[in-house]
Amino acid sequence: MKQEMKQPSSWLPNGIILNPSDQYRPFSFTEELQIRLEELLEKNKENLLDADEKAELAGLLELERIFSFINAKLAS
């Protein structure tokens, strides 16, 4: 059975940038991880994702939502 979502925490060691000087976006994806997210989103539009890629996309989107929430809280 395949995972429904790759754990968002799996990207914390290598896929995250801390930008302390950016008060509106202190947490973000590395350039490589952002590119991967965009690739997965494009493949998803074309219905070309396999089960592992769907799990990866779900995890990245969840992590993106978490960062958006945290960044908004820190900015306010």
C-alpha atoms as a PDB file:
ATOM      1  CA  MET A   1       0.000   0.000   0.000  1.00  0.00           C
ATOM      2  CA  LYS A   2       1.359   3.410  -0.993  1.00  0.00           C
ATOM      3  CA  GLN A   3       1.514   6.419   1.272  1.00  0.00           C
ATOM      4  CA  GLU A   4      -1.253   8.955   0.785  1.00  0.00           C
ATOM      5  CA  MET A   5       1.106  11.776   1.776  1.00  0.00           C
ATOM      6  CA  LYS A   6       4.847  12.042   2.230  1.00  0.00           C
ATOM      7  CA  GLN A   7       5.513  13.439   5.685  1.00  0.00           C
ATOM      8  CA  PRO A   8       6.125  17.202   5.440  1.00  0.00           C
ATOM      9  CA  SER A   9       8.775  16.924   8.149  1.00  0.00           C
ATOM     10  CA  SER A  10      10.934  14.826   5.813  1.00  0.00           C
ATOM     11  CA  TRP A  11      11.979  18.013   3.969  1.00  0.00           C
ATOM     12  CA  LEU A  12      12.944  20.008   7.071  1.00  0.00           C
ATOM     13  CA  PRO A  13      16.650  19.032   7.145  1.00  0.00           C
ATOM     14  CA  ASN A  14      17.439  19.870   3.488  1.00  0.00           C
ATOM     15  CA  GLY A  15      14.510  21.538   1.758  1.00  0.00           C
ATOM     16  CA  ILE A  16      13.908  24.594   3.898  1.00  0.00           C
ATOM     17  CA  ILE A  17      15.469  28.050   3.965  1.00  0.00           C
ATOM     18  CA  LEU A  18      15.316  30.327   6.985  1.00  0.00           C
ATOM     19  CA  ASN A  19      15.265  33.992   5.933  1.00  0.00           C
ATOM     20  CA  PRO A  20      15.550  35.923   9.223  1.00  0.00           C
ATOM     21  CA  SER A  21      15.808  39.276   7.430  1.00  0.00           C
ATOM     22  CA  ASP A  22      12.494  38.744   5.590  1.00  0.00           C
ATOM     23  CA  GLN A  23       9.763  39.500   8.112  1.00  0.00           C
ATOM     24  CA  TYR A  24       6.985  38.447   5.710  1.00  0.00           C
ATOM     25  CA  ARG A  25       8.500  35.173   4.544  1.00  0.00           C
ATOM     26  CA  PRO A  26      11.011  33.885   7.096  1.00  0.00           C
ATOM     27  CA  PHE A  27      10.442  30.248   6.070  1.00  0.00           C
ATOM     28  CA  SER A  28      10.519  29.064   2.462  1.00  0.00           C
ATOM     29  CA  PHE A  29      11.485  26.149   0.241  1.00  0.00           C
ATOM     30  CA  THR A  30      14.948  25.855  -1.251  1.00  0.00           C
ATOM     31  CA  GLU A  31      15.101  26.646  -4.946  1.00  0.00           C
ATOM     32  CA  GLU A  32      15.422  22.932  -5.726  1.00  0.00           C
ATOM     33  CA  LEU A  33      12.365  22.014  -3.680  1.00  0.00           C
ATOM     34  CA  GLN A  34      10.343  24.869  -5.193  1.00  0.00           C
ATOM     35  CA  ILE A  35      11.238  23.631  -8.685  1.00  0.00           C
ATOM     36  CA  ARG A  36      10.217  20.099  -7.710  1.00  0.00           C
ATOM     37  CA  LEU A  37       6.861  21.385  -6.418  1.00  0.00           C
ATOM     38  CA  GLU A  38       6.260  23.226  -9.686  1.00  0.00           C
ATOM     39  CA  GLU A  39       7.156  20.106 -11.698  1.00  0.00           C
ATOM     40  CA  LEU A  40       4.727  17.997  -9.689  1.00  0.00           C
ATOM     41  CA  LEU A  41       1.973  20.586 -10.051  1.00  0.00           C
ATOM     42  CA  GLU A  42       2.465  20.637 -13.824  1.00  0.00           C
ATOM     43  CA  LYS A  43       2.398  16.836 -14.057  1.00  0.00           C
ATOM     44  CA  ASN A  44      -0.702  16.820 -11.861  1.00  0.00           C
ATOM     45  CA  LYS A  45      -2.510  19.153 -14.289  1.00  0.00           C
ATOM     46  CA  GLU A  46      -1.823  16.605 -17.005  1.00  0.00           C
ATOM     47  CA  ASN A  47      -2.857  13.656 -14.795  1.00  0.00           C
ATOM     48  CA  LEU A  48       0.616  12.097 -15.133  1.00  0.00           C
ATOM     49  CA  LEU A  49       1.519  11.561 -11.471  1.00  0.00           C
ATOM     50  CA  ASP A  50       2.198   8.080 -10.163  1.00  0.00           C
ATOM     51  CA  ALA A  51       1.237   7.114  -6.594  1.00  0.00           C
ATOM     52  CA  ASP A  52       4.610   8.121  -5.109  1.00  0.00           C
ATOM     53  CA  GLU A  53       4.487  11.506  -6.820  1.00  0.00           C
ATOM     54  CA  LYS A  54       0.935  12.083  -5.574  1.00  0.00           C
ATOM     55  CA  ALA A  55       2.129  11.382  -2.026  1.00  0.00           C
ATOM     56  CA  GLU A  56       5.082  13.728  -2.533  1.00  0.00           C
ATOM     57  CA  LEU A  57       2.854  16.494  -3.912  1.00  0.00           C
ATOM     58  CA  ALA A  58       0.390  16.130  -1.039  1.00  0.00           C
ATOM     59  CA  GLY A  59       3.222  16.447   1.488  1.00  0.00           C
ATOM     60  CA  LEU A  60       4.730  19.482  -0.231  1.00  0.00           C
ATOM     61  CA  LEU A  61       1.369  21.228  -0.425  1.00  0.00           C
ATOM     62  CA  GLU A  62       0.765  20.547   3.269  1.00  0.00           C
ATOM     63  CA  LEU A  63       4.192  21.951   4.140  1.00  0.00           C
ATOM     64  CA  GLU A  64       3.467  24.993   1.969  1.00  0.00           C
ATOM     65  CA  ARG A  65       0.211  25.556   3.892  1.00  0.00           C
ATOM     66  CA  ILE A  66       2.064  25.228   7.205  1.00  0.00           C
ATOM     67  CA  PHE A  67       4.679  27.772   6.098  1.00  0.00           C
ATOM     68  CA  SER A  68       2.018  30.173   4.879  1.00  0.00           C
ATOM     69  CA  PHE A  69       0.307  29.978   8.263  1.00  0.00           C
ATOM     70  CA  ILE A  70       3.527  30.380  10.255  1.00  0.00           C
ATOM     71  CA  ASN A  71       4.808  33.201   8.059  1.00  0.00           C
ATOM     72  CA  ALA A  72       1.480  35.046   8.360  1.00  0.00           C
ATOM     73  CA  LYS A  73       1.476  34.656  12.148  1.00  0.00           C
ATOM     74  CA  LEU A  74       5.052  35.908  12.447  1.00  0.00           C
ATOM     75  CA  ALA A  75       4.314  38.881  10.184  1.00  0.00           C
ATOM     76  CA  SER A  76       1.288  39.991  12.187  1.00  0.00           C
END
